[in-house]
Amino acid sequence: MDQQTLAPMLDHTVLGPETTIDDVEHVLDAAIEYGMNVCIPPCYVAEAAEYAPETTIATVVGFPHGQNAPTTKQQEAVVAWKAGADEVDMVINIGRLKSGADDAVESEIAEVVAAVPIPVKVIIETPLLTDEEKHRACSAVQSADAAMVKTATGFADSSGYEGTTGGATVADVELMSAYLPVKASGGIGSYEDAIAMIEAGAERIGASSGVSIVTGAPE
């Protein structure tokens, strides 16, 4: 896959707790140069939309743990959209899913989807789920009419969860792609990593290594 084909599939990402507006502008500059999208913290969406009006801007909702009240997530999405976000990536309530409250998980997603006229990608945090839970999560996302299902925040491994890898896997992408288009995110650092995810069924890649990924592709 050449750079021109790959770039629009990449969400060049900066979401760390120390992210500054300078960091966001650096990511935007790279996105403009190579034709990528970006995924940035919600507090910088308005500035980013003004700085790079032609770049597709995604931001996050309920990030990174997904434990916000449903109305809070809905309001976050609306605020992000009005600030200029083109897409939102929301985190499900993982605890609700694990406790078997699938209807509550689906309802929360559906409320966000209904609140904004932009695509909603739903992060199910695969490193924390069993395969059975992944199937249930994807089913809830599909039933809620979201646009995509996303593997992970990339923060699970650094947040003290024992036994997690924190990122996307080929097996997870294959499982999820039976339900909806997949955004693979977490631990994807090279062109080869990205291609493995795309070959497994991913249609978008979220990575802080967007430049390395796209420049690793043939021109």
N, C-alpha and C. Protein backbone atom coordinates (compact mmCIF):
# COMPACT_ATOMS: atom_id res chain seq x y z
N MET A 1 0.84 -1.19 0.00
CA MET A 1 0.00 0.00 0.00
C MET A 1 0.89 1.25 0.00
N ASP A 2 0.63 2.17 -0.93
CA ASP A 2 1.49 3.34 -1.01
C ASP A 2 1.05 4.42 -0.03
N GLN A 3 1.89 5.45 0.10
CA GLN A 3 1.64 6.51 1.08
C GLN A 3 0.32 7.23 0.83
N GLN A 4 0.02 7.50 -0.42
CA GLN A 4 -1.18 8.24 -0.76
C GLN A 4 -2.45 7.47 -0.37
N THR A 5 -2.41 6.17 -0.49
CA THR A 5 -3.56 5.34 -0.12
C THR A 5 -3.65 5.17 1.39
N LEU A 6 -2.51 5.01 2.03
CA LEU A 6 -2.48 4.73 3.47
C LEU A 6 -2.81 5.96 4.32
N ALA A 7 -2.31 7.12 3.94
CA ALA A 7 -2.41 8.31 4.80
C ALA A 7 -3.83 8.61 5.27
N PRO A 8 -4.86 8.59 4.41
CA PRO A 8 -6.21 8.91 4.88
C PRO A 8 -6.79 7.88 5.85
N MET A 9 -6.12 6.74 5.97
CA MET A 9 -6.56 5.71 6.90
C MET A 9 -5.95 5.90 8.29
N LEU A 10 -5.05 6.86 8.42
CA LEU A 10 -4.32 7.06 9.67
C LEU A 10 -4.88 8.22 10.48
N ASP A 11 -5.17 7.96 11.76
CA ASP A 11 -5.50 9.02 12.71
C ASP A 11 -4.24 9.27 13.54
N HIS A 12 -3.47 10.27 13.14
CA HIS A 12 -2.23 10.63 13.84
C HIS A 12 -2.63 11.22 15.20
N THR A 13 -2.13 10.63 16.28
CA THR A 13 -2.75 10.81 17.59
C THR A 13 -1.80 11.41 18.61
N VAL A 14 -2.33 12.34 19.41
CA VAL A 14 -1.63 12.81 20.60
C VAL A 14 -2.67 13.02 21.70
N LEU A 15 -2.63 12.16 22.73
CA LEU A 15 -3.67 12.18 23.76
C LEU A 15 -3.12 12.05 25.18
N GLY A 16 -1.82 12.19 25.36
CA GLY A 16 -1.24 12.04 26.68
C GLY A 16 -1.66 13.15 27.63
N PRO A 17 -1.55 12.92 28.94
CA PRO A 17 -1.98 13.91 29.92
C PRO A 17 -1.18 15.20 29.92
N GLU A 18 0.02 15.16 29.33
CA GLU A 18 0.85 16.37 29.28
C GLU A 18 0.79 17.07 27.93
N THR A 19 -0.15 16.69 27.08
CA THR A 19 -0.26 17.26 25.73
C THR A 19 -0.52 18.76 25.79
N THR A 20 0.30 19.51 25.05
CA THR A 20 0.15 20.97 24.97
C THR A 20 -0.40 21.35 23.59
N ILE A 21 -0.77 22.60 23.45
CA ILE A 21 -1.23 23.07 22.14
C ILE A 21 -0.10 22.99 21.12
N ASP A 22 1.14 23.16 21.56
CA ASP A 22 2.27 23.01 20.64
C ASP A 22 2.35 21.57 20.12
N ASP A 23 2.09 20.61 21.00
CA ASP A 23 2.08 19.21 20.57
C ASP A 23 0.99 18.97 19.53
N VAL A 24 -0.17 19.55 19.77
CA VAL A 24 -1.29 19.39 18.85
C VAL A 24 -0.95 20.01 17.49
N GLU A 25 -0.36 21.20 17.50
CA GLU A 25 -0.01 21.84 16.23
C GLU A 25 1.05 21.05 15.49
N HIS A 26 1.96 20.42 16.22
CA HIS A 26 2.98 19.57 15.58
C HIS A 26 2.32 18.39 14.87
N VAL A 27 1.34 17.76 15.53
CA VAL A 27 0.61 16.65 14.93
C VAL A 27 -0.18 17.13 13.71
N LEU A 28 -0.81 18.30 13.83
CA LEU A 28 -1.56 18.86 12.71
C LEU A 28 -0.65 19.17 11.53
N ASP A 29 0.52 19.70 11.79
CA ASP A 29 1.47 20.00 10.70
C ASP A 29 1.82 18.73 9.94
N ALA A 30 2.06 17.65 10.70
CA ALA A 30 2.39 16.38 10.05
C ALA A 30 1.20 15.84 9.26
N ALA A 31 0.01 15.99 9.83
CA ALA A 31 -1.19 15.52 9.14
C ALA A 31 -1.40 16.28 7.83
N ILE A 32 -1.17 17.58 7.87
CA ILE A 32 -1.30 18.39 6.66
C ILE A 32 -0.28 17.96 5.62
N GLU A 33 0.95 17.74 6.05
CA GLU A 33 2.03 17.39 5.12
C GLU A 33 1.76 16.06 4.43
N TYR A 34 1.26 15.06 5.19
CA TYR A 34 1.14 13.72 4.63
C TYR A 34 -0.30 13.32 4.26
N GLY A 35 -1.27 14.14 4.62
CA GLY A 35 -2.65 13.82 4.28
C GLY A 35 -3.34 12.90 5.27
N MET A 36 -2.89 12.91 6.54
CA MET A 36 -3.50 12.09 7.58
C MET A 36 -4.63 12.85 8.28
N ASN A 37 -5.38 12.11 9.10
CA ASN A 37 -6.31 12.71 10.05
C ASN A 37 -5.58 12.87 11.39
N VAL A 38 -6.26 13.47 12.36
CA VAL A 38 -5.68 13.56 13.70
C VAL A 38 -6.71 13.13 14.74
N CYS A 39 -6.21 12.72 15.91
CA CYS A 39 -7.05 12.48 17.08
C CYS A 39 -6.38 13.19 18.24
N ILE A 40 -7.10 14.15 18.82
CA ILE A 40 -6.50 15.06 19.80
C ILE A 40 -7.42 15.24 21.01
N PRO A 41 -6.90 15.80 22.12
CA PRO A 41 -7.75 16.03 23.29
C PRO A 41 -8.87 17.03 22.99
N PRO A 42 -10.02 16.86 23.63
CA PRO A 42 -11.15 17.74 23.34
C PRO A 42 -10.91 19.21 23.66
N CYS A 43 -10.03 19.49 24.60
CA CYS A 43 -9.82 20.89 24.98
C CYS A 43 -9.16 21.71 23.88
N TYR A 44 -8.58 21.04 22.89
CA TYR A 44 -7.88 21.75 21.81
C TYR A 44 -8.61 21.71 20.48
N VAL A 45 -9.82 21.18 20.45
CA VAL A 45 -10.52 21.00 19.18
C VAL A 45 -10.77 22.32 18.47
N ALA A 46 -11.26 23.32 19.18
CA ALA A 46 -11.57 24.60 18.53
C ALA A 46 -10.32 25.23 17.92
N GLU A 47 -9.22 25.19 18.66
CA GLU A 47 -7.98 25.75 18.14
C GLU A 47 -7.48 24.96 16.94
N ALA A 48 -7.61 23.63 17.02
CA ALA A 48 -7.16 22.79 15.92
C ALA A 48 -7.99 23.02 14.66
N ALA A 49 -9.30 23.16 14.83
CA ALA A 49 -10.17 23.39 13.68
C ALA A 49 -9.85 24.71 12.99
N GLU A 50 -9.45 25.69 13.76
CA GLU A 50 -9.05 26.98 13.18
C GLU A 50 -7.68 26.88 12.52
N TYR A 51 -6.79 26.12 13.13
CA TYR A 51 -5.41 26.00 12.64
C TYR A 51 -5.35 25.18 11.35
N ALA A 52 -6.18 24.13 11.29
CA ALA A 52 -6.12 23.21 10.14
C ALA A 52 -7.54 22.86 9.69
N PRO A 53 -8.24 23.80 9.08
CA PRO A 53 -9.66 23.59 8.76
C PRO A 53 -9.93 22.48 7.76
N GLU A 54 -8.94 22.09 6.98
CA GLU A 54 -9.15 21.04 5.98
C GLU A 54 -8.80 19.65 6.49
N THR A 55 -8.28 19.56 7.71
CA THR A 55 -7.87 18.27 8.28
C THR A 55 -9.02 17.65 9.06
N THR A 56 -9.23 16.36 8.89
CA THR A 56 -10.25 15.65 9.67
C THR A 56 -9.78 15.51 11.11
N ILE A 57 -10.58 16.05 12.02
CA ILE A 57 -10.22 16.09 13.44
C ILE A 57 -11.15 15.16 14.23
N ALA A 58 -10.56 14.17 14.87
CA ALA A 58 -11.28 13.33 15.82
C ALA A 58 -10.87 13.71 17.23
N THR A 59 -11.78 13.55 18.16
CA THR A 59 -11.45 13.75 19.56
C THR A 59 -12.11 12.65 20.38
N VAL A 60 -11.89 12.67 21.68
CA VAL A 60 -12.32 11.55 22.52
C VAL A 60 -13.41 11.97 23.50
N VAL A 61 -14.21 10.98 23.89
CA VAL A 61 -15.33 11.17 24.81
C VAL A 61 -15.26 10.06 25.87
N GLY A 62 -15.39 10.44 27.12
CA GLY A 62 -15.31 9.45 28.19
C GLY A 62 -13.94 8.81 28.32
N PHE A 63 -12.93 9.55 27.96
CA PHE A 63 -11.58 9.01 27.84
C PHE A 63 -10.79 9.22 29.13
N PRO A 64 -9.97 8.26 29.58
CA PRO A 64 -9.73 6.95 28.95
C PRO A 64 -10.50 5.78 29.57
N HIS A 65 -11.22 6.00 30.69
CA HIS A 65 -11.78 4.85 31.42
C HIS A 65 -13.24 4.56 31.11
N GLY A 66 -13.97 5.49 30.51
CA GLY A 66 -15.34 5.24 30.12
C GLY A 66 -16.35 5.30 31.24
N GLN A 67 -15.97 5.81 32.41
CA GLN A 67 -16.85 5.74 33.57
C GLN A 67 -17.66 7.02 33.81
N ASN A 68 -17.65 7.93 32.86
CA ASN A 68 -18.47 9.14 32.98
C ASN A 68 -19.95 8.78 32.94
N ALA A 69 -20.77 9.63 33.51
CA ALA A 69 -22.22 9.44 33.40
C ALA A 69 -22.62 9.54 31.93
N PRO A 70 -23.65 8.79 31.51
CA PRO A 70 -24.07 8.84 30.11
C PRO A 70 -24.38 10.25 29.62
N THR A 71 -25.03 11.06 30.43
CA THR A 71 -25.35 12.43 30.00
C THR A 71 -24.08 13.25 29.82
N THR A 72 -23.07 12.96 30.61
CA THR A 72 -21.79 13.67 30.47
C THR A 72 -21.14 13.32 29.13
N LYS A 73 -21.16 12.05 28.78
CA LYS A 73 -20.60 11.64 27.49
C LYS A 73 -21.35 12.30 26.33
N GLN A 74 -22.67 12.34 26.46
CA GLN A 74 -23.48 12.96 25.43
C GLN A 74 -23.11 14.44 25.27
N GLN A 75 -22.99 15.13 26.39
CA GLN A 75 -22.64 16.55 26.35
C GLN A 75 -21.23 16.76 25.83
N GLU A 76 -20.31 15.87 26.21
CA GLU A 76 -18.94 15.96 25.68
C GLU A 76 -18.94 15.89 24.16
N ALA A 77 -19.72 14.97 23.63
CA ALA A 77 -19.78 14.80 22.18
C ALA A 77 -20.35 16.04 21.50
N VAL A 78 -21.39 16.59 22.08
CA VAL A 78 -22.01 17.79 21.50
C VAL A 78 -21.04 18.97 21.54
N VAL A 79 -20.37 19.16 22.66
CA VAL A 79 -19.40 20.25 22.78
C VAL A 79 -18.28 20.08 21.76
N ALA A 80 -17.80 18.85 21.59
CA ALA A 80 -16.72 18.59 20.63
C ALA A 80 -17.18 18.88 19.21
N TRP A 81 -18.36 18.43 18.86
CA TRP A 81 -18.90 18.69 17.52
C TRP A 81 -19.04 20.19 17.26
N LYS A 82 -19.59 20.91 18.21
CA LYS A 82 -19.78 22.34 18.03
C LYS A 82 -18.46 23.09 17.97
N ALA A 83 -17.42 22.53 18.59
CA ALA A 83 -16.09 23.15 18.55
C ALA A 83 -15.38 22.90 17.24
N GLY A 84 -15.88 21.93 16.46
CA GLY A 84 -15.27 21.67 15.17
C GLY A 84 -14.79 20.25 14.93
N ALA A 85 -15.07 19.33 15.85
CA ALA A 85 -14.66 17.95 15.65
C ALA A 85 -15.45 17.33 14.50
N ASP A 86 -14.77 16.53 13.70
CA ASP A 86 -15.40 15.81 12.59
C ASP A 86 -15.83 14.41 12.98
N GLU A 87 -15.23 13.87 14.04
CA GLU A 87 -15.53 12.53 14.53
C GLU A 87 -15.28 12.50 16.03
N VAL A 88 -15.95 11.59 16.73
CA VAL A 88 -15.64 11.38 18.15
C VAL A 88 -15.39 9.90 18.40
N ASP A 89 -14.43 9.63 19.28
CA ASP A 89 -14.10 8.27 19.70
C ASP A 89 -14.48 8.16 21.18
N MET A 90 -15.54 7.42 21.47
CA MET A 90 -16.01 7.32 22.85
C MET A 90 -15.66 5.97 23.46
N VAL A 91 -15.40 5.98 24.76
CA VAL A 91 -15.07 4.76 25.49
C VAL A 91 -16.33 4.21 26.15
N ILE A 92 -16.59 2.92 25.97
CA ILE A 92 -17.75 2.32 26.64
C ILE A 92 -17.51 2.24 28.14
N ASN A 93 -18.57 2.01 28.88
CA ASN A 93 -18.46 1.74 30.30
C ASN A 93 -18.11 0.26 30.46
N ILE A 94 -16.82 0.00 30.63
CA ILE A 94 -16.32 -1.37 30.67
C ILE A 94 -16.89 -2.14 31.85
N GLY A 95 -17.02 -1.47 32.99
CA GLY A 95 -17.58 -2.14 34.17
C GLY A 95 -19.01 -2.57 33.96
N ARG A 96 -19.81 -1.73 33.29
CA ARG A 96 -21.19 -2.11 32.98
C ARG A 96 -21.22 -3.35 32.10
N LEU A 97 -20.35 -3.38 31.08
CA LEU A 97 -20.30 -4.54 30.20
C LEU A 97 -19.93 -5.79 30.98
N LYS A 98 -18.91 -5.69 31.83
CA LYS A 98 -18.45 -6.86 32.58
C LYS A 98 -19.49 -7.35 33.59
N SER A 99 -20.36 -6.45 34.04
CA SER A 99 -21.40 -6.85 34.98
C SER A 99 -22.64 -7.39 34.27
N GLY A 100 -22.61 -7.41 32.94
CA GLY A 100 -23.72 -7.96 32.18
C GLY A 100 -24.79 -6.97 31.80
N ALA A 101 -24.55 -5.68 32.05
CA ALA A 101 -25.55 -4.65 31.76
C ALA A 101 -25.41 -4.17 30.31
N ASP A 102 -25.57 -5.09 29.37
CA ASP A 102 -25.37 -4.78 27.96
C ASP A 102 -26.37 -3.74 27.45
N ASP A 103 -27.59 -3.78 27.96
CA ASP A 103 -28.59 -2.80 27.54
C ASP A 103 -28.16 -1.39 27.91
N ALA A 104 -27.56 -1.23 29.08
CA ALA A 104 -27.09 0.08 29.51
C ALA A 104 -25.94 0.56 28.64
N VAL A 105 -25.06 -0.37 28.28
CA VAL A 105 -23.94 -0.03 27.40
C VAL A 105 -24.46 0.43 26.04
N GLU A 106 -25.39 -0.33 25.49
CA GLU A 106 -25.96 0.03 24.19
C GLU A 106 -26.70 1.36 24.25
N SER A 107 -27.47 1.56 25.30
CA SER A 107 -28.24 2.80 25.43
C SER A 107 -27.33 4.02 25.50
N GLU A 108 -26.24 3.90 26.25
CA GLU A 108 -25.30 5.01 26.37
C GLU A 108 -24.68 5.36 25.02
N ILE A 109 -24.29 4.35 24.26
CA ILE A 109 -23.72 4.59 22.93
C ILE A 109 -24.76 5.24 22.03
N ALA A 110 -25.97 4.70 22.04
CA ALA A 110 -27.03 5.22 21.18
C ALA A 110 -27.33 6.68 21.49
N GLU A 111 -27.26 7.07 22.75
CA GLU A 111 -27.51 8.46 23.13
C GLU A 111 -26.46 9.39 22.54
N VAL A 112 -25.22 8.94 22.54
CA VAL A 112 -24.15 9.75 21.95
C VAL A 112 -24.32 9.83 20.44
N VAL A 113 -24.60 8.69 19.81
CA VAL A 113 -24.80 8.66 18.36
C VAL A 113 -25.92 9.60 17.96
N ALA A 114 -27.00 9.60 18.71
CA ALA A 114 -28.16 10.43 18.38
C ALA A 114 -27.91 11.91 18.63
N ALA A 115 -26.93 12.22 19.47
CA ALA A 115 -26.70 13.61 19.88
C ALA A 115 -25.90 14.42 18.88
N VAL A 116 -25.16 13.74 17.99
CA VAL A 116 -24.27 14.46 17.08
C VAL A 116 -24.41 13.94 15.65
N PRO A 117 -24.26 14.83 14.66
CA PRO A 117 -24.38 14.42 13.26
C PRO A 117 -23.05 14.03 12.64
N ILE A 118 -22.14 13.53 13.45
CA ILE A 118 -20.81 13.15 12.97
C ILE A 118 -20.56 11.70 13.38
N PRO A 119 -19.62 11.01 12.71
CA PRO A 119 -19.36 9.61 13.04
C PRO A 119 -18.89 9.41 14.48
N VAL A 120 -19.42 8.38 15.11
CA VAL A 120 -19.01 8.00 16.46
C VAL A 120 -18.30 6.65 16.37
N LYS A 121 -17.04 6.64 16.77
CA LYS A 121 -16.25 5.42 16.86
C LYS A 121 -16.22 5.02 18.33
N VAL A 122 -16.46 3.76 18.62
CA VAL A 122 -16.64 3.31 20.00
C VAL A 122 -15.49 2.42 20.43
N ILE A 123 -14.79 2.85 21.47
CA ILE A 123 -13.63 2.13 21.99
C ILE A 123 -14.11 1.10 23.02
N ILE A 124 -13.84 -0.17 22.76
CA ILE A 124 -14.30 -1.21 23.68
C ILE A 124 -13.20 -1.69 24.63
N GLU A 125 -11.99 -1.24 24.45
CA GLU A 125 -10.83 -1.58 25.31
C GLU A 125 -10.60 -3.09 25.37
N THR A 126 -10.27 -3.64 24.21
CA THR A 126 -10.09 -5.09 24.07
C THR A 126 -9.09 -5.72 25.04
N PRO A 127 -8.00 -5.04 25.46
CA PRO A 127 -7.07 -5.71 26.37
C PRO A 127 -7.70 -6.11 27.70
N LEU A 128 -8.84 -5.50 28.04
CA LEU A 128 -9.48 -5.79 29.32
C LEU A 128 -10.63 -6.78 29.20
N LEU A 129 -10.90 -7.26 27.98
CA LEU A 129 -12.08 -8.09 27.75
C LEU A 129 -11.73 -9.51 27.32
N THR A 130 -12.59 -10.43 27.69
CA THR A 130 -12.52 -11.78 27.14
C THR A 130 -13.12 -11.75 25.73
N ASP A 131 -12.91 -12.82 24.97
CA ASP A 131 -13.50 -12.86 23.63
C ASP A 131 -15.02 -12.78 23.70
N GLU A 132 -15.62 -13.44 24.68
CA GLU A 132 -17.08 -13.39 24.84
C GLU A 132 -17.54 -11.96 25.10
N GLU A 133 -16.80 -11.23 25.91
CA GLU A 133 -17.14 -9.83 26.19
C GLU A 133 -16.93 -8.95 24.97
N LYS A 134 -15.91 -9.26 24.17
CA LYS A 134 -15.68 -8.49 22.94
C LYS A 134 -16.86 -8.65 21.98
N HIS A 135 -17.35 -9.87 21.85
CA HIS A 135 -18.51 -10.10 20.99
C HIS A 135 -19.72 -9.31 21.50
N ARG A 136 -19.95 -9.33 22.79
CA ARG A 136 -21.09 -8.60 23.36
C ARG A 136 -20.92 -7.10 23.18
N ALA A 137 -19.70 -6.61 23.36
CA ALA A 137 -19.45 -5.18 23.18
C ALA A 137 -19.69 -4.76 21.74
N CYS A 138 -19.17 -5.53 20.81
CA CYS A 138 -19.35 -5.19 19.39
C CYS A 138 -20.82 -5.24 19.00
N SER A 139 -21.55 -6.19 19.53
CA SER A 139 -22.97 -6.28 19.25
C SER A 139 -23.70 -5.04 19.75
N ALA A 140 -23.33 -4.56 20.93
CA ALA A 140 -23.95 -3.35 21.47
C ALA A 140 -23.63 -2.14 20.61
N VAL A 141 -22.39 -2.04 20.16
CA VAL A 141 -21.99 -0.92 19.31
C VAL A 141 -22.76 -0.96 17.99
N GLN A 142 -22.88 -2.13 17.42
CA GLN A 142 -23.61 -2.29 16.17
C GLN A 142 -25.08 -1.92 16.34
N SER A 143 -25.70 -2.40 17.41
CA SER A 143 -27.11 -2.13 17.65
C SER A 143 -27.38 -0.66 17.92
N ALA A 144 -26.38 0.03 18.47
CA ALA A 144 -26.52 1.46 18.77
C ALA A 144 -26.29 2.34 17.55
N ASP A 145 -25.98 1.72 16.41
CA ASP A 145 -25.82 2.43 15.14
C ASP A 145 -24.61 3.34 15.10
N ALA A 146 -23.55 2.96 15.81
CA ALA A 146 -22.30 3.72 15.72
C ALA A 146 -21.61 3.43 14.39
N ALA A 147 -20.66 4.28 14.04
CA ALA A 147 -20.01 4.17 12.74
C ALA A 147 -18.91 3.11 12.71
N MET A 148 -18.17 3.02 13.81
CA MET A 148 -17.03 2.11 13.85
C MET A 148 -16.86 1.58 15.26
N VAL A 149 -16.15 0.48 15.38
CA VAL A 149 -15.73 -0.03 16.67
C VAL A 149 -14.20 0.04 16.71
N LYS A 150 -13.68 0.46 17.85
CA LYS A 150 -12.25 0.72 17.99
C LYS A 150 -11.67 -0.17 19.08
N THR A 151 -10.45 -0.64 18.87
CA THR A 151 -9.88 -1.64 19.76
C THR A 151 -9.61 -1.10 21.16
N ALA A 152 -8.83 -0.04 21.28
CA ALA A 152 -8.30 0.31 22.59
C ALA A 152 -7.92 1.78 22.70
N THR A 153 -7.83 2.24 23.93
CA THR A 153 -7.33 3.59 24.18
C THR A 153 -5.81 3.65 24.05
N GLY A 154 -5.15 2.51 24.27
CA GLY A 154 -3.70 2.50 24.34
C GLY A 154 -3.18 2.80 25.73
N PHE A 155 -4.11 3.06 26.67
CA PHE A 155 -3.71 3.41 28.03
C PHE A 155 -3.88 2.27 29.02
N ALA A 156 -4.50 1.17 28.61
CA ALA A 156 -4.77 0.09 29.57
C ALA A 156 -3.48 -0.44 30.20
N ASP A 157 -2.45 -0.63 29.38
CA ASP A 157 -1.22 -1.20 29.90
C ASP A 157 -0.50 -0.27 30.87
N SER A 158 -0.66 1.04 30.67
CA SER A 158 0.05 2.00 31.52
C SER A 158 -0.79 2.45 32.70
N SER A 159 -1.98 1.84 32.88
CA SER A 159 -2.87 2.28 33.94
C SER A 159 -2.98 1.28 35.08
N GLY A 160 -2.08 0.32 35.09
CA GLY A 160 -2.05 -0.60 36.21
C GLY A 160 -2.93 -1.82 36.08
N TYR A 161 -3.39 -2.14 34.88
CA TYR A 161 -4.21 -3.33 34.70
C TYR A 161 -3.30 -4.53 34.51
N GLU A 162 -3.36 -5.46 35.42
CA GLU A 162 -2.47 -6.62 35.39
C GLU A 162 -2.78 -7.52 34.20
N GLY A 163 -1.74 -7.90 33.49
CA GLY A 163 -1.89 -8.89 32.44
C GLY A 163 -2.39 -8.36 31.12
N THR A 164 -2.39 -7.06 30.91
CA THR A 164 -2.87 -6.52 29.65
C THR A 164 -1.71 -6.06 28.77
N THR A 165 -1.97 -6.00 27.47
CA THR A 165 -0.94 -5.56 26.53
C THR A 165 -1.16 -4.12 26.10
N GLY A 166 -2.37 -3.62 26.26
CA GLY A 166 -2.64 -2.22 25.99
C GLY A 166 -2.93 -1.88 24.55
N GLY A 167 -2.86 -2.85 23.63
CA GLY A 167 -2.98 -2.47 22.23
C GLY A 167 -3.84 -3.38 21.39
N ALA A 168 -3.81 -3.08 20.09
CA ALA A 168 -4.57 -3.85 19.11
C ALA A 168 -3.85 -5.14 18.78
N THR A 169 -4.64 -6.16 18.44
CA THR A 169 -4.09 -7.42 17.94
C THR A 169 -4.82 -7.80 16.67
N VAL A 170 -4.16 -8.58 15.85
CA VAL A 170 -4.78 -9.07 14.62
C VAL A 170 -6.04 -9.87 14.94
N ALA A 171 -5.97 -10.71 15.96
CA ALA A 171 -7.12 -11.54 16.32
C ALA A 171 -8.33 -10.69 16.71
N ASP A 172 -8.07 -9.62 17.46
CA ASP A 172 -9.18 -8.74 17.86
C ASP A 172 -9.79 -8.03 16.67
N VAL A 173 -8.95 -7.57 15.77
CA VAL A 173 -9.47 -6.88 14.58
C VAL A 173 -10.32 -7.84 13.74
N GLU A 174 -9.86 -9.07 13.60
CA GLU A 174 -10.64 -10.06 12.85
C GLU A 174 -12.00 -10.29 13.50
N LEU A 175 -12.00 -10.41 14.82
CA LEU A 175 -13.26 -10.62 15.55
C LEU A 175 -14.20 -9.44 15.36
N MET A 176 -13.69 -8.24 15.53
CA MET A 176 -14.51 -7.03 15.51
C MET A 176 -15.03 -6.69 14.13
N SER A 177 -14.27 -7.02 13.11
CA SER A 177 -14.65 -6.64 11.75
C SER A 177 -15.86 -7.42 11.25
N ALA A 178 -16.28 -8.45 11.97
CA ALA A 178 -17.51 -9.15 11.62
C ALA A 178 -18.74 -8.32 11.96
N TYR A 179 -18.56 -7.27 12.74
CA TYR A 179 -19.68 -6.44 13.19
C TYR A 179 -19.74 -5.08 12.49
N LEU A 180 -18.62 -4.37 12.47
CA LEU A 180 -18.58 -3.01 11.96
C LEU A 180 -17.18 -2.72 11.42
N PRO A 181 -17.01 -1.62 10.66
CA PRO A 181 -15.65 -1.18 10.34
C PRO A 181 -14.85 -0.97 11.62
N VAL A 182 -13.57 -1.29 11.57
CA VAL A 182 -12.72 -1.28 12.76
C VAL A 182 -11.65 -0.20 12.66
N LYS A 183 -11.46 0.51 13.77
CA LYS A 183 -10.27 1.34 13.94
C LYS A 183 -9.35 0.61 14.91
N ALA A 184 -8.19 0.22 14.43
CA ALA A 184 -7.21 -0.46 15.27
C ALA A 184 -6.31 0.60 15.91
N SER A 185 -6.19 0.53 17.22
CA SER A 185 -5.42 1.54 17.95
C SER A 185 -4.78 0.92 19.17
N GLY A 186 -3.56 1.36 19.45
CA GLY A 186 -2.82 0.87 20.61
C GLY A 186 -1.66 -0.01 20.21
N GLY A 187 -0.45 0.52 20.32
CA GLY A 187 0.74 -0.27 20.07
C GLY A 187 1.12 -0.45 18.62
N ILE A 188 0.53 0.33 17.72
CA ILE A 188 0.84 0.23 16.30
C ILE A 188 1.91 1.26 15.97
N GLY A 189 3.13 0.81 15.74
CA GLY A 189 4.24 1.75 15.63
C GLY A 189 4.98 1.76 14.31
N SER A 190 4.57 0.90 13.38
CA SER A 190 5.31 0.81 12.13
C SER A 190 4.36 0.54 10.97
N TYR A 191 4.88 0.73 9.76
CA TYR A 191 4.12 0.41 8.56
C TYR A 191 3.69 -1.05 8.56
N GLU A 192 4.61 -1.93 8.96
CA GLU A 192 4.30 -3.36 8.98
C GLU A 192 3.17 -3.67 9.97
N ASP A 193 3.21 -3.02 11.14
CA ASP A 193 2.13 -3.20 12.12
C ASP A 193 0.79 -2.76 11.52
N ALA A 194 0.80 -1.61 10.88
CA ALA A 194 -0.44 -1.08 10.31
C ALA A 194 -0.99 -1.98 9.22
N ILE A 195 -0.12 -2.47 8.35
CA ILE A 195 -0.56 -3.33 7.26
C ILE A 195 -1.14 -4.64 7.81
N ALA A 196 -0.55 -5.16 8.88
CA ALA A 196 -1.08 -6.38 9.49
C ALA A 196 -2.51 -6.16 9.97
N MET A 197 -2.77 -4.99 10.55
CA MET A 197 -4.12 -4.67 11.03
C MET A 197 -5.08 -4.47 9.86
N ILE A 198 -4.62 -3.81 8.82
CA ILE A 198 -5.47 -3.58 7.65
C ILE A 198 -5.81 -4.90 6.96
N GLU A 199 -4.83 -5.77 6.86
CA GLU A 199 -5.08 -7.08 6.26
C GLU A 199 -6.05 -7.92 7.10
N ALA A 200 -6.09 -7.65 8.41
CA ALA A 200 -7.02 -8.35 9.29
C ALA A 200 -8.43 -7.78 9.21
N GLY A 201 -8.57 -6.59 8.59
CA GLY A 201 -9.89 -6.01 8.42
C GLY A 201 -10.04 -4.59 8.90
N ALA A 202 -9.01 -3.99 9.48
CA ALA A 202 -9.11 -2.61 9.95
C ALA A 202 -9.23 -1.64 8.78
N GLU A 203 -10.07 -0.63 8.96
CA GLU A 203 -10.23 0.41 7.95
C GLU A 203 -9.61 1.74 8.38
N ARG A 204 -9.31 1.85 9.67
CA ARG A 204 -8.61 3.02 10.19
C ARG A 204 -7.56 2.55 11.18
N ILE A 205 -6.51 3.34 11.32
CA ILE A 205 -5.43 3.06 12.26
C ILE A 205 -5.23 4.30 13.13
N GLY A 206 -5.25 4.11 14.43
CA GLY A 206 -4.93 5.20 15.35
C GLY A 206 -3.56 4.99 15.93
N ALA A 207 -2.69 5.99 15.82
CA ALA A 207 -1.31 5.80 16.28
C ALA A 207 -0.63 7.14 16.51
N SER A 208 0.20 7.18 17.53
CA SER A 208 1.04 8.36 17.74
C SER A 208 2.23 8.36 16.80
N SER A 209 2.45 7.23 16.14
CA SER A 209 3.58 7.08 15.21
C SER A 209 3.12 7.23 13.76
N GLY A 210 2.16 8.11 13.53
CA GLY A 210 1.61 8.27 12.19
C GLY A 210 2.66 8.57 11.12
N VAL A 211 3.61 9.44 11.46
CA VAL A 211 4.62 9.81 10.48
C VAL A 211 5.50 8.62 10.13
N SER A 212 5.92 7.87 11.14
CA SER A 212 6.75 6.68 10.89
C SER A 212 6.00 5.66 10.05
N ILE A 213 4.71 5.52 10.32
CA ILE A 213 3.91 4.55 9.57
C ILE A 213 3.79 4.97 8.10
N VAL A 214 3.41 6.20 7.87
CA VAL A 214 3.18 6.63 6.49
C VAL A 214 4.47 6.72 5.69
N THR A 215 5.55 7.15 6.34
CA THR A 215 6.82 7.23 5.60
C THR A 215 7.46 5.86 5.40
N GLY A 216 6.97 4.85 6.14
CA GLY A 216 7.44 3.49 5.92
C GLY A 216 6.80 2.84 4.72
N ALA A 217 5.74 3.46 4.21
CA ALA A 217 5.05 2.92 3.03
C ALA A 217 5.79 3.33 1.78
N PRO A 218 5.69 2.55 0.71
CA PRO A 218 6.30 2.95 -0.55
C PRO A 218 5.61 4.19 -1.11
N GLU A 219 6.38 5.01 -1.79
CA GLU A 219 5.82 6.23 -2.36
C GLU A 219 5.01 5.92 -3.62
